[in-house]
Amino acid sequence: MPDYRLGDVIDDFCVRCKRIMNHSLVSLVNGEPAKVRCRTCHNDHDYRHEQAPPPKADARKQALFDEVLKKVTPDGSGQPEASAGGSQAEAKPAAKGKSKKTST
């Protein structure tokens, strides 16, 4: 473990730049970096150990997808309920287009 001092330059993920950039140490807690300042955009943030935050959009998309599935299958099994008249695979859609008439 290196000895950190205020003002030292370390690499960290910048939440504003969305990249790993050079940062200056702003505060230390028990000898470990706590807050850093990006040397490019001058944004102060917690030290993230060069880790990007997890994307928030994926969690929201999964939650919405699960909600839609619960509406389709209320029991939550993921399998659509079979209808009393037969399965949906047996039903065939009506043919589109003109039918040929034969004259005799």
PDB file of N, CA and C in Angstrom:
ATOM      1  N   MET A   1       0.826  -1.175   0.000  1.00  0.00           N
ATOM      2  CA  MET A   1       0.000   0.000   0.000  1.00  0.00           C
ATOM      3  C   MET A   1       0.878   1.249   0.000  1.00  0.00           C
ATOM      4  N   PRO A   2       0.647   2.103  -0.948  1.00  0.00           N
ATOM      5  CA  PRO A   2       1.412   3.356  -0.930  1.00  0.00           C
ATOM      6  C   PRO A   2       0.865   4.308   0.122  1.00  0.00           C
ATOM      7  N   ASP A   3       1.719   5.199   0.588  1.00  0.00           N
ATOM      8  CA  ASP A   3       1.275   6.247   1.510  1.00  0.00           C
ATOM      9  C   ASP A   3       0.726   7.397   0.689  1.00  0.00           C
ATOM     10  N   TYR A   4      -0.556   7.679   0.876  1.00  0.00           N
ATOM     11  CA  TYR A   4      -1.204   8.762   0.141  1.00  0.00           C
ATOM     12  C   TYR A   4      -1.068  10.062   0.921  1.00  0.00           C
ATOM     13  N   ARG A   5      -0.947  11.170   0.182  1.00  0.00           N
ATOM     14  CA  ARG A   5      -0.927  12.507   0.773  1.00  0.00           C
ATOM     15  C   ARG A   5      -1.893  13.382  -0.004  1.00  0.00           C
ATOM     16  N   LEU A   6      -2.418  14.404   0.661  1.00  0.00           N
ATOM     17  CA  LEU A   6      -3.330  15.325  -0.014  1.00  0.00           C
ATOM     18  C   LEU A   6      -2.629  15.945  -1.212  1.00  0.00           C
ATOM     19  N   GLY A   7      -3.333  16.003  -2.338  1.00  0.00           N
ATOM     20  CA  GLY A   7      -2.781  16.583  -3.555  1.00  0.00           C
ATOM     21  C   GLY A   7      -2.129  15.572  -4.473  1.00  0.00           C
ATOM     22  N   ASP A   8      -1.913  14.338  -3.997  1.00  0.00           N
ATOM     23  CA  ASP A   8      -1.333  13.304  -4.861  1.00  0.00           C
ATOM     24  C   ASP A   8      -2.256  13.053  -6.047  1.00  0.00           C
ATOM     25  N   VAL A   9      -1.661  12.647  -7.160  1.00  0.00           N
ATOM     26  CA  VAL A   9      -2.419  12.368  -8.374  1.00  0.00           C
ATOM     27  C   VAL A   9      -2.634  10.858  -8.465  1.00  0.00           C
ATOM     28  N   ILE A  10      -3.906  10.458  -8.573  1.00  0.00           N
ATOM     29  CA  ILE A  10      -4.261   9.050  -8.753  1.00  0.00           C
ATOM     30  C   ILE A  10      -5.303   8.951  -9.862  1.00  0.00           C
ATOM     31  N   ASP A  11      -5.447   7.766 -10.411  1.00  0.00           N
ATOM     32  CA  ASP A  11      -6.462   7.511 -11.437  1.00  0.00           C
ATOM     33  C   ASP A  11      -7.753   7.081 -10.765  1.00  0.00           C
ATOM     34  N   ASP A  12      -8.872   7.562 -11.294  1.00  0.00           N
ATOM     35  CA  ASP A  12     -10.188   7.172 -10.796  1.00  0.00           C
ATOM     36  C   ASP A  12     -11.208   7.420 -11.892  1.00  0.00           C
ATOM     37  N   PHE A  13     -12.381   6.802 -11.748  1.00  0.00           N
ATOM     38  CA  PHE A  13     -13.465   7.000 -12.701  1.00  0.00           C
ATOM     39  C   PHE A  13     -14.167   8.307 -12.366  1.00  0.00           C
ATOM     40  N   CYS A  14     -14.227   9.226 -13.330  1.00  0.00           N
ATOM     41  CA  CYS A  14     -14.896  10.509 -13.146  1.00  0.00           C
ATOM     42  C   CYS A  14     -16.357  10.358 -13.571  1.00  0.00           C
ATOM     43  N   VAL A  15     -17.276  10.739 -12.671  1.00  0.00           N
ATOM     44  CA  VAL A  15     -18.696  10.584 -12.979  1.00  0.00           C
ATOM     45  C   VAL A  15     -19.179  11.605 -13.990  1.00  0.00           C
ATOM     46  N   ARG A  16     -18.493  12.733 -14.110  1.00  0.00           N
ATOM     47  CA  ARG A  16     -18.890  13.745 -15.086  1.00  0.00           C
ATOM     48  C   ARG A  16     -18.281  13.438 -16.456  1.00  0.00           C
ATOM     49  N   CYS A  17     -17.000  13.094 -16.493  1.00  0.00           N
ATOM     50  CA  CYS A  17     -16.321  12.786 -17.769  1.00  0.00           C
ATOM     51  C   CYS A  17     -16.682  11.395 -18.286  1.00  0.00           C
ATOM     52  N   LYS A  18     -17.158  10.508 -17.392  1.00  0.00           N
ATOM     53  CA  LYS A  18     -17.498   9.123 -17.729  1.00  0.00           C
ATOM     54  C   LYS A  18     -16.288   8.343 -18.237  1.00  0.00           C
ATOM     55  N   ARG A  19     -15.119   8.628 -17.662  1.00  0.00           N
ATOM     56  CA  ARG A  19     -13.885   7.952 -18.049  1.00  0.00           C
ATOM     57  C   ARG A  19     -12.960   7.873 -16.857  1.00  0.00           C
ATOM     58  N   ILE A  20     -11.960   7.016 -16.959  1.00  0.00           N
ATOM     59  CA  ILE A  20     -10.919   6.983 -15.938  1.00  0.00           C
ATOM     60  C   ILE A  20      -9.934   8.103 -16.287  1.00  0.00           C
ATOM     61  N   MET A  21      -9.811   9.038 -15.352  1.00  0.00           N
ATOM     62  CA  MET A  21      -8.989  10.235 -15.567  1.00  0.00           C
ATOM     63  C   MET A  21      -8.057  10.432 -14.374  1.00  0.00           C
ATOM     64  N   ASN A  22      -7.112  11.380 -14.508  1.00  0.00           N
ATOM     65  CA  ASN A  22      -6.255  11.776 -13.395  1.00  0.00           C
ATOM     66  C   ASN A  22      -7.072  12.580 -12.397  1.00  0.00           C
ATOM     67  N   HIS A  23      -6.866  12.296 -11.122  1.00  0.00           N
ATOM     68  CA  HIS A  23      -7.554  12.994 -10.037  1.00  0.00           C
ATOM     69  C   HIS A  23      -6.536  13.415  -8.984  1.00  0.00           C
ATOM     70  N   SER A  24      -6.864  14.461  -8.269  1.00  0.00           N
ATOM     71  CA  SER A  24      -6.069  14.890  -7.123  1.00  0.00           C
ATOM     72  C   SER A  24      -6.809  14.485  -5.862  1.00  0.00           C
ATOM     73  N   LEU A  25      -6.061  14.020  -4.846  1.00  0.00           N
ATOM     74  CA  LEU A  25      -6.674  13.657  -3.571  1.00  0.00           C
ATOM     75  C   LEU A  25      -7.111  14.910  -2.828  1.00  0.00           C
ATOM     76  N   VAL A  26      -8.353  14.917  -2.387  1.00  0.00           N
ATOM     77  CA  VAL A  26      -8.902  16.048  -1.658  1.00  0.00           C
ATOM     78  C   VAL A  26      -9.009  15.716  -0.172  1.00  0.00           C
ATOM     79  N   SER A  27      -9.378  14.462   0.155  1.00  0.00           N
ATOM     80  CA  SER A  27      -9.448  14.080   1.560  1.00  0.00           C
ATOM     81  C   SER A  27      -9.071  12.617   1.721  1.00  0.00           C
ATOM     82  N   LEU A  28      -8.554  12.296   2.924  1.00  0.00           N
ATOM     83  CA  LEU A  28      -8.156  10.945   3.276  1.00  0.00           C
ATOM     84  C   LEU A  28      -8.886  10.523   4.552  1.00  0.00           C
ATOM     85  N   VAL A  29      -9.253   9.249   4.640  1.00  0.00           N
ATOM     86  CA  VAL A  29      -9.831   8.687   5.850  1.00  0.00           C
ATOM     87  C   VAL A  29      -9.031   7.433   6.176  1.00  0.00           C
ATOM     88  N   ASN A  30      -8.405   7.415   7.348  1.00  0.00           N
ATOM     89  CA  ASN A  30      -7.555   6.292   7.769  1.00  0.00           C
ATOM     90  C   ASN A  30      -6.480   5.965   6.740  1.00  0.00           C
ATOM     91  N   GLY A  31      -5.920   6.981   6.121  1.00  0.00           N
ATOM     92  CA  GLY A  31      -4.845   6.793   5.156  1.00  0.00           C
ATOM     93  C   GLY A  31      -5.298   6.354   3.776  1.00  0.00           C
ATOM     94  N   GLU A  32      -6.607   6.185   3.564  1.00  0.00           N
ATOM     95  CA  GLU A  32      -7.156   5.777   2.268  1.00  0.00           C
ATOM     96  C   GLU A  32      -7.866   6.965   1.622  1.00  0.00           C
ATOM     97  N   PRO A  33      -7.823   7.068   0.282  1.00  0.00           N
ATOM     98  CA  PRO A  33      -8.519   8.172  -0.387  1.00  0.00           C
ATOM     99  C   PRO A  33     -10.022   8.121  -0.123  1.00  0.00           C
ATOM    100  N   ALA A  34     -10.601   9.278   0.185  1.00  0.00           N
ATOM    101  CA  ALA A  34     -12.037   9.358   0.404  1.00  0.00           C
ATOM    102  C   ALA A  34     -12.693  10.207  -0.670  1.00  0.00           C
ATOM    103  N   LYS A  35     -12.150  11.383  -0.935  1.00  0.00           N
ATOM    104  CA  LYS A  35     -12.688  12.277  -1.968  1.00  0.00           C
ATOM    105  C   LYS A  35     -11.555  12.664  -2.900  1.00  0.00           C
ATOM    106  N   VAL A  36     -11.923  12.807  -4.177  1.00  0.00           N
ATOM    107  CA  VAL A  36     -10.951  13.198  -5.198  1.00  0.00           C
ATOM    108  C   VAL A  36     -11.543  14.292  -6.072  1.00  0.00           C
ATOM    109  N   ARG A  37     -10.671  15.008  -6.778  1.00  0.00           N
ATOM    110  CA  ARG A  37     -11.087  16.069  -7.702  1.00  0.00           C
ATOM    111  C   ARG A  37     -10.489  15.754  -9.065  1.00  0.00           C
ATOM    112  N   CYS A  38     -11.358  15.690 -10.073  1.00  0.00           N
ATOM    113  CA  CYS A  38     -10.905  15.432 -11.445  1.00  0.00           C
ATOM    114  C   CYS A  38     -10.050  16.592 -11.909  1.00  0.00           C
ATOM    115  N   ARG A  39      -8.895  16.276 -12.495  1.00  0.00           N
ATOM    116  CA  ARG A  39      -7.997  17.329 -12.973  1.00  0.00           C
ATOM    117  C   ARG A  39      -8.418  17.843 -14.344  1.00  0.00           C
ATOM    118  N   THR A  40      -9.409  17.222 -14.966  1.00  0.00           N
ATOM    119  CA  THR A  40      -9.888  17.673 -16.265  1.00  0.00           C
ATOM    120  C   THR A  40     -11.100  18.587 -16.130  1.00  0.00           C
ATOM    121  N   CYS A  41     -12.126  18.125 -15.390  1.00  0.00           N
ATOM    122  CA  CYS A  41     -13.366  18.909 -15.282  1.00  0.00           C
ATOM    123  C   CYS A  41     -13.532  19.566 -13.911  1.00  0.00           C
ATOM    124  N   HIS A  42     -12.609  19.308 -12.974  1.00  0.00           N
ATOM    125  CA  HIS A  42     -12.602  19.890 -11.625  1.00  0.00           C
ATOM    126  C   HIS A  42     -13.829  19.505 -10.807  1.00  0.00           C
ATOM    127  N   ASN A  43     -14.394  18.342 -11.060  1.00  0.00           N
ATOM    128  CA  ASN A  43     -15.542  17.847 -10.305  1.00  0.00           C
ATOM    129  C   ASN A  43     -15.039  17.058  -9.096  1.00  0.00           C
ATOM    130  N   ASP A  44     -15.590  17.347  -7.898  1.00  0.00           N
ATOM    131  CA  ASP A  44     -15.261  16.605  -6.686  1.00  0.00           C
ATOM    132  C   ASP A  44     -16.254  15.468  -6.515  1.00  0.00           C
ATOM    133  N   HIS A  45     -15.760  14.275  -6.164  1.00  0.00           N
ATOM    134  CA  HIS A  45     -16.639  13.135  -5.896  1.00  0.00           C
ATOM    135  C   HIS A  45     -15.915  12.138  -5.010  1.00  0.00           C
ATOM    136  N   ASP A  46     -16.664  11.159  -4.509  1.00  0.00           N
ATOM    137  CA  ASP A  46     -16.074  10.097  -3.691  1.00  0.00           C
ATOM    138  C   ASP A  46     -15.121   9.275  -4.538  1.00  0.00           C
ATOM    139  N   TYR A  47     -14.094   8.738  -3.895  1.00  0.00           N
ATOM    140  CA  TYR A  47     -13.150   7.864  -4.587  1.00  0.00           C
ATOM    141  C   TYR A  47     -13.851   6.561  -4.926  1.00  0.00           C
ATOM    142  N   ARG A  48     -13.812   6.152  -6.195  1.00  0.00           N
ATOM    143  CA  ARG A  48     -14.565   5.001  -6.677  1.00  0.00           C
ATOM    144  C   ARG A  48     -13.688   3.792  -6.977  1.00  0.00           C
ATOM    145  N   HIS A  49     -12.427   3.823  -6.648  1.00  0.00           N
ATOM    146  CA  HIS A  49     -11.505   2.710  -6.888  1.00  0.00           C
ATOM    147  C   HIS A  49     -11.479   2.303  -8.360  1.00  0.00           C
ATOM    148  N   GLU A  50     -11.551   3.287  -9.239  1.00  0.00           N
ATOM    149  CA  GLU A  50     -11.505   3.093 -10.697  1.00  0.00           C
ATOM    150  C   GLU A  50     -12.644   2.214 -11.205  1.00  0.00           C
ATOM    151  N   GLN A  51     -13.783   2.173 -10.482  1.00  0.00           N
ATOM    152  CA  GLN A  51     -14.940   1.369 -10.887  1.00  0.00           C
ATOM    153  C   GLN A  51     -16.047   2.277 -11.399  1.00  0.00           C
ATOM    154  N   ALA A  52     -16.566   1.951 -12.574  1.00  0.00           N
ATOM    155  CA  ALA A  52     -17.709   2.693 -13.107  1.00  0.00           C
ATOM    156  C   ALA A  52     -18.963   2.276 -12.345  1.00  0.00           C
ATOM    157  N   PRO A  53     -19.892   3.204 -12.091  1.00  0.00           N
ATOM    158  CA  PRO A  53     -21.130   2.813 -11.415  1.00  0.00           C
ATOM    159  C   PRO A  53     -21.962   1.910 -12.314  1.00  0.00           C
ATOM    160  N   PRO A  54     -22.753   1.008 -11.739  1.00  0.00           N
ATOM    161  CA  PRO A  54     -23.582   0.132 -12.570  1.00  0.00           C
ATOM    162  C   PRO A  54     -24.628   0.943 -13.316  1.00  0.00           C
ATOM    163  N   PRO A  55     -24.958   0.545 -14.529  1.00  0.00           N
ATOM    164  CA  PRO A  55     -25.968   1.291 -15.290  1.00  0.00           C
ATOM    165  C   PRO A  55     -27.333   1.195 -14.627  1.00  0.00           C
ATOM    166  N   LYS A  56     -28.037   2.310 -14.560  1.00  0.00           N
ATOM    167  CA  LYS A  56     -29.345   2.351 -13.930  1.00  0.00           C
ATOM    168  C   LYS A  56     -30.445   1.909 -14.885  1.00  0.00           C
ATOM    169  N   ALA A  57     -30.243   2.099 -16.165  1.00  0.00           N
ATOM    170  CA  ALA A  57     -31.288   1.800 -17.144  1.00  0.00           C
ATOM    171  C   ALA A  57     -31.618   0.314 -17.175  1.00  0.00           C
ATOM    172  N   ASP A  58     -30.621  -0.564 -17.008  1.00  0.00           N
ATOM    173  CA  ASP A  58     -30.877  -1.996 -17.084  1.00  0.00           C
ATOM    174  C   ASP A  58     -31.808  -2.452 -15.967  1.00  0.00           C
ATOM    175  N   ALA A  59     -31.637  -1.932 -14.771  1.00  0.00           N
ATOM    176  CA  ALA A  59     -32.503  -2.328 -13.659  1.00  0.00           C
ATOM    177  C   ALA A  59     -33.941  -1.878 -13.903  1.00  0.00           C
ATOM    178  N   ARG A  60     -34.103  -0.676 -14.446  1.00  0.00           N
ATOM    179  CA  ARG A  60     -35.453  -0.190 -14.734  1.00  0.00           C
ATOM    180  C   ARG A  60     -36.101  -1.007 -15.837  1.00  0.00           C
ATOM    181  N   LYS A  61     -35.341  -1.346 -16.870  1.00  0.00           N
ATOM    182  CA  LYS A  61     -35.890  -2.142 -17.965  1.00  0.00           C
ATOM    183  C   LYS A  61     -36.311  -3.513 -17.465  1.00  0.00           C
ATOM    184  N   GLN A  62     -35.491  -4.133 -16.620  1.00  0.00           N
ATOM    185  CA  GLN A  62     -35.824  -5.460 -16.097  1.00  0.00           C
ATOM    186  C   GLN A  62     -37.069  -5.395 -15.228  1.00  0.00           C
ATOM    187  N   ALA A  63     -37.193  -4.341 -14.416  1.00  0.00           N
ATOM    188  CA  ALA A  63     -38.370  -4.205 -13.555  1.00  0.00           C
ATOM    189  C   ALA A  63     -39.633  -4.030 -14.394  1.00  0.00           C
ATOM    190  N   LEU A  64     -39.564  -3.238 -15.453  1.00  0.00           N
ATOM    191  CA  LEU A  64     -40.726  -3.057 -16.332  1.00  0.00           C
ATOM    192  C   LEU A  64     -41.076  -4.353 -17.061  1.00  0.00           C
ATOM    193  N   PHE A  65     -40.059  -5.076 -17.490  1.00  0.00           N
ATOM    194  CA  PHE A  65     -40.285  -6.340 -18.184  1.00  0.00           C
ATOM    195  C   PHE A  65     -40.960  -7.342 -17.247  1.00  0.00           C
ATOM    196  N   ASP A  66     -40.496  -7.410 -15.995  1.00  0.00           N
ATOM    197  CA  ASP A  66     -41.112  -8.311 -15.021  1.00  0.00           C
ATOM    198  C   ASP A  66     -42.561  -7.934 -14.752  1.00  0.00           C
ATOM    199  N   GLU A  67     -42.840  -6.633 -14.706  1.00  0.00           N
ATOM    200  CA  GLU A  67     -44.212  -6.171 -14.472  1.00  0.00           C
ATOM    201  C   GLU A  67     -45.132  -6.593 -15.614  1.00  0.00           C
ATOM    202  N   VAL A  68     -44.655  -6.479 -16.845  1.00  0.00           N
ATOM    203  CA  VAL A  68     -45.450  -6.886 -18.002  1.00  0.00           C
ATOM    204  C   VAL A  68     -45.690  -8.387 -17.976  1.00  0.00           C
ATOM    205  N   LEU A  69     -44.670  -9.157 -17.608  1.00  0.00           N
ATOM    206  CA  LEU A  69     -44.849 -10.610 -17.539  1.00  0.00           C
ATOM    207  C   LEU A  69     -45.866 -11.000 -16.480  1.00  0.00           C
ATOM    208  N   LYS A  70     -45.906 -10.290 -15.363  1.00  0.00           N
ATOM    209  CA  LYS A  70     -46.884 -10.601 -14.326  1.00  0.00           C
ATOM    210  C   LYS A  70     -48.301 -10.338 -14.815  1.00  0.00           C
ATOM    211  N   LYS A  71     -48.480  -9.335 -15.667  1.00  0.00           N
ATOM    212  CA  LYS A  71     -49.805  -9.044 -16.209  1.00  0.00           C
ATOM    213  C   LYS A  71     -50.237 -10.129 -17.197  1.00  0.00           C
ATOM    214  N   VAL A  72     -49.280 -10.651 -17.951  1.00  0.00           N
ATOM    215  CA  VAL A  72     -49.589 -11.692 -18.926  1.00  0.00           C
ATOM    216  C   VAL A  72     -49.847 -13.011 -18.214  1.00  0.00           C
ATOM    217  N   THR A  73     -49.010 -13.347 -17.254  1.00  0.00           N
ATOM    218  CA  THR A  73     -49.161 -14.577 -16.485  1.00  0.00           C
ATOM    219  C   THR A  73     -49.231 -14.196 -15.012  1.00  0.00           C
ATOM    220  N   PRO A  74     -50.439 -14.043 -14.465  1.00  0.00           N
ATOM    221  CA  PRO A  74     -50.591 -13.588 -13.086  1.00  0.00           C
ATOM    222  C   PRO A  74     -49.936 -14.504 -12.063  1.00  0.00           C
ATOM    223  N   ASP A  75     -49.786 -15.807 -12.370  1.00  0.00           N
ATOM    224  CA  ASP A  75     -49.186 -16.718 -11.403  1.00  0.00           C
ATOM    225  C   ASP A  75     -47.673 -16.559 -11.339  1.00  0.00           C
ATOM    226  N   GLY A  76     -47.055 -15.853 -12.308  1.00  0.00           N
ATOM    227  CA  GLY A  76     -45.616 -15.595 -12.294  1.00  0.00           C
ATOM    228  C   GLY A  76     -44.783 -16.769 -12.774  1.00  0.00           C
ATOM    229  N   SER A  77     -45.420 -17.808 -13.354  1.00  0.00           N
ATOM    230  CA  SER A  77     -44.670 -18.986 -13.787  1.00  0.00           C
ATOM    231  C   SER A  77     -43.930 -18.748 -15.098  1.00  0.00           C
ATOM    232  N   GLY A  78     -44.328 -17.723 -15.844  1.00  0.00           N
ATOM    233  CA  GLY A  78     -43.668 -17.455 -17.110  1.00  0.00           C
ATOM    234  C   GLY A  78     -44.298 -18.196 -18.276  1.00  0.00           C
ATOM    235  N   GLN A  79     -45.228 -19.134 -18.008  1.00  0.00           N
ATOM    236  CA  GLN A  79     -45.889 -19.888 -19.049  1.00  0.00           C
ATOM    237  C   GLN A  79     -47.288 -19.317 -19.265  1.00  0.00           C
ATOM    238  N   PRO A  80     -47.682 -19.025 -20.495  1.00  0.00           N
ATOM    239  CA  PRO A  80     -49.034 -18.531 -20.737  1.00  0.00           C
ATOM    240  C   PRO A  80     -50.054 -19.620 -20.419  1.00  0.00           C
ATOM    241  N   GLU A  81     -51.208 -19.171 -19.929  1.00  0.00           N
ATOM    242  CA  GLU A  81     -52.258 -20.120 -19.581  1.00  0.00           C
ATOM    243  C   GLU A  81     -52.884 -20.693 -20.846  1.00  0.00           C
ATOM    244  N   ALA A  82     -53.204 -22.005 -20.841  1.00  0.00           N
ATOM    245  CA  ALA A  82     -53.834 -22.651 -21.993  1.00  0.00           C
ATOM    246  C   ALA A  82     -55.312 -22.298 -22.000  1.00  0.00           C
ATOM    247  N   SER A  83     -55.852 -21.964 -23.158  1.00  0.00           N
ATOM    248  CA  SER A  83     -57.273 -21.644 -23.247  1.00  0.00           C
ATOM    249  C   SER A  83     -58.071 -22.940 -23.377  1.00  0.00           C
ATOM    250  N   ALA A  84     -59.333 -22.877 -23.020  1.00  0.00           N
ATOM    251  CA  ALA A  84     -60.184 -24.069 -23.026  1.00  0.00           C
ATOM    252  C   ALA A  84     -60.454 -24.563 -24.445  1.00  0.00           C
ATOM    253  N   GLY A  85     -60.439 -23.677 -25.437  1.00  0.00           N
ATOM    254  CA  GLY A  85     -60.767 -24.045 -26.803  1.00  0.00           C
ATOM    255  C   GLY A  85     -59.609 -24.654 -27.573  1.00  0.00           C
ATOM    256  N   GLY A  86     -58.467 -24.798 -27.014  1.00  0.00           N
ATOM    257  CA  GLY A  86     -57.309 -25.343 -27.707  1.00  0.00           C
ATOM    258  C   GLY A  86     -56.137 -24.402 -27.574  1.00  0.00           C
ATOM    259  N   SER A  87     -55.014 -24.838 -28.063  1.00  0.00           N
ATOM    260  CA  SER A  87     -53.819 -24.008 -27.927  1.00  0.00           C
ATOM    261  C   SER A  87     -53.773 -22.963 -29.036  1.00  0.00           C
ATOM    262  N   GLN A  88     -52.970 -21.960 -28.823  1.00  0.00           N
ATOM    263  CA  GLN A  88     -52.848 -20.888 -29.806  1.00  0.00           C
ATOM    264  C   GLN A  88     -52.092 -21.351 -31.039  1.00  0.00           C
ATOM    265  N   ALA A  89     -51.267 -22.377 -30.908  1.00  0.00           N
ATOM    266  CA  ALA A  89     -50.481 -22.869 -32.034  1.00  0.00           C
ATOM    267  C   ALA A  89     -51.383 -23.526 -33.083  1.00  0.00           C
ATOM    268  N   GLU A  90     -52.517 -24.073 -32.632  1.00  0.00           N
ATOM    269  CA  GLU A  90     -53.416 -24.743 -33.568  1.00  0.00           C
ATOM    270  C   GLU A  90     -54.212 -23.758 -34.404  1.00  0.00           C
ATOM    271  N   ALA A  91     -54.444 -22.574 -33.878  1.00  0.00           N
ATOM    272  CA  ALA A  91     -55.236 -21.591 -34.608  1.00  0.00           C
ATOM    273  C   ALA A  91     -54.403 -21.018 -35.739  1.00  0.00           C
ATOM    274  N   LYS A  92     -55.001 -20.974 -36.926  1.00  0.00           N
ATOM    275  CA  LYS A  92     -54.291 -20.434 -38.083  1.00  0.00           C
ATOM    276  C   LYS A  92     -54.958 -19.135 -38.492  1.00  0.00           C
ATOM    277  N   PRO A  93     -54.172 -18.136 -38.861  1.00  0.00           N
ATOM    278  CA  PRO A  93     -54.768 -16.873 -39.284  1.00  0.00           C
ATOM    279  C   PRO A  93     -55.428 -17.025 -40.650  1.00  0.00           C
ATOM    280  N   ALA A  94     -56.410 -16.197 -40.910  1.00  0.00           N
ATOM    281  CA  ALA A  94     -57.105 -16.225 -42.199  1.00  0.00           C
ATOM    282  C   ALA A  94     -56.148 -15.752 -43.289  1.00  0.00           C
ATOM    283  N   ALA A  95     -56.240 -16.378 -44.452  1.00  0.00           N
ATOM    284  CA  ALA A  95     -55.359 -16.026 -45.559  1.00  0.00           C
ATOM    285  C   ALA A  95     -55.757 -14.679 -46.125  1.00  0.00           C
ATOM    286  N   LYS A  96     -54.765 -13.856 -46.370  1.00  0.00           N
ATOM    287  CA  LYS A  96     -55.020 -12.539 -46.950  1.00  0.00           C
ATOM    288  C   LYS A  96     -54.879 -12.623 -48.464  1.00  0.00           C
ATOM    289  N   GLY A  97     -55.533 -11.744 -49.134  1.00  0.00           N
ATOM    290  CA  GLY A  97     -55.390 -11.695 -50.582  1.00  0.00           C
ATOM    291  C   GLY A  97     -56.687 -12.141 -51.279  1.00  0.00           C
ATOM    292  N   LYS A  98     -56.627 -12.149 -52.583  1.00  0.00           N
ATOM    293  CA  LYS A  98     -57.801 -12.494 -53.361  1.00  0.00           C
ATOM    294  C   LYS A  98     -57.868 -14.000 -53.543  1.00  0.00           C
ATOM    295  N   SER A  99     -59.046 -14.510 -53.491  1.00  0.00           N
ATOM    296  CA  SER A  99     -59.224 -15.937 -53.754  1.00  0.00           C
ATOM    297  C   SER A  99     -59.552 -16.098 -55.234  1.00  0.00           C
ATOM    298  N   LYS A 100     -59.074 -17.193 -55.779  1.00  0.00           N
ATOM    299  CA  LYS A 100     -59.292 -17.447 -57.205  1.00  0.00           C
ATOM    300  C   LYS A 100     -60.656 -18.104 -57.391  1.00  0.00           C
ATOM    301  N   LYS A 101     -61.374 -17.608 -58.343  1.00  0.00           N
ATOM    302  CA  LYS A 101     -62.672 -18.209 -58.665  1.00  0.00           C
ATOM    303  C   LYS A 101     -62.499 -19.001 -59.937  1.00  0.00           C
ATOM    304  N   THR A 102     -63.033 -20.166 -59.926  1.00  0.00           N
ATOM    305  CA  THR A 102     -62.956 -20.984 -61.130  1.00  0.00           C
ATOM    306  C   THR A 102     -64.341 -21.023 -61.790  1.00  0.00           C
ATOM    307  N   SER A 103     -64.357 -20.925 -63.072  1.00  0.00           N
ATOM    308  CA  SER A 103     -65.634 -20.979 -63.770  1.00  0.00           C
ATOM    309  C   SER A 103     -65.711 -22.298 -64.525  1.00  0.00           C
ATOM    310  N   THR A 104     -66.862 -22.946 -64.461  1.00  0.00           N
ATOM    311  CA  THR A 104     -67.035 -24.225 -65.147  1.00  0.00           C
ATOM    312  C   THR A 104     -68.202 -24.216 -66.051  1.00  0.00           C
TER     313      THR A 104
END
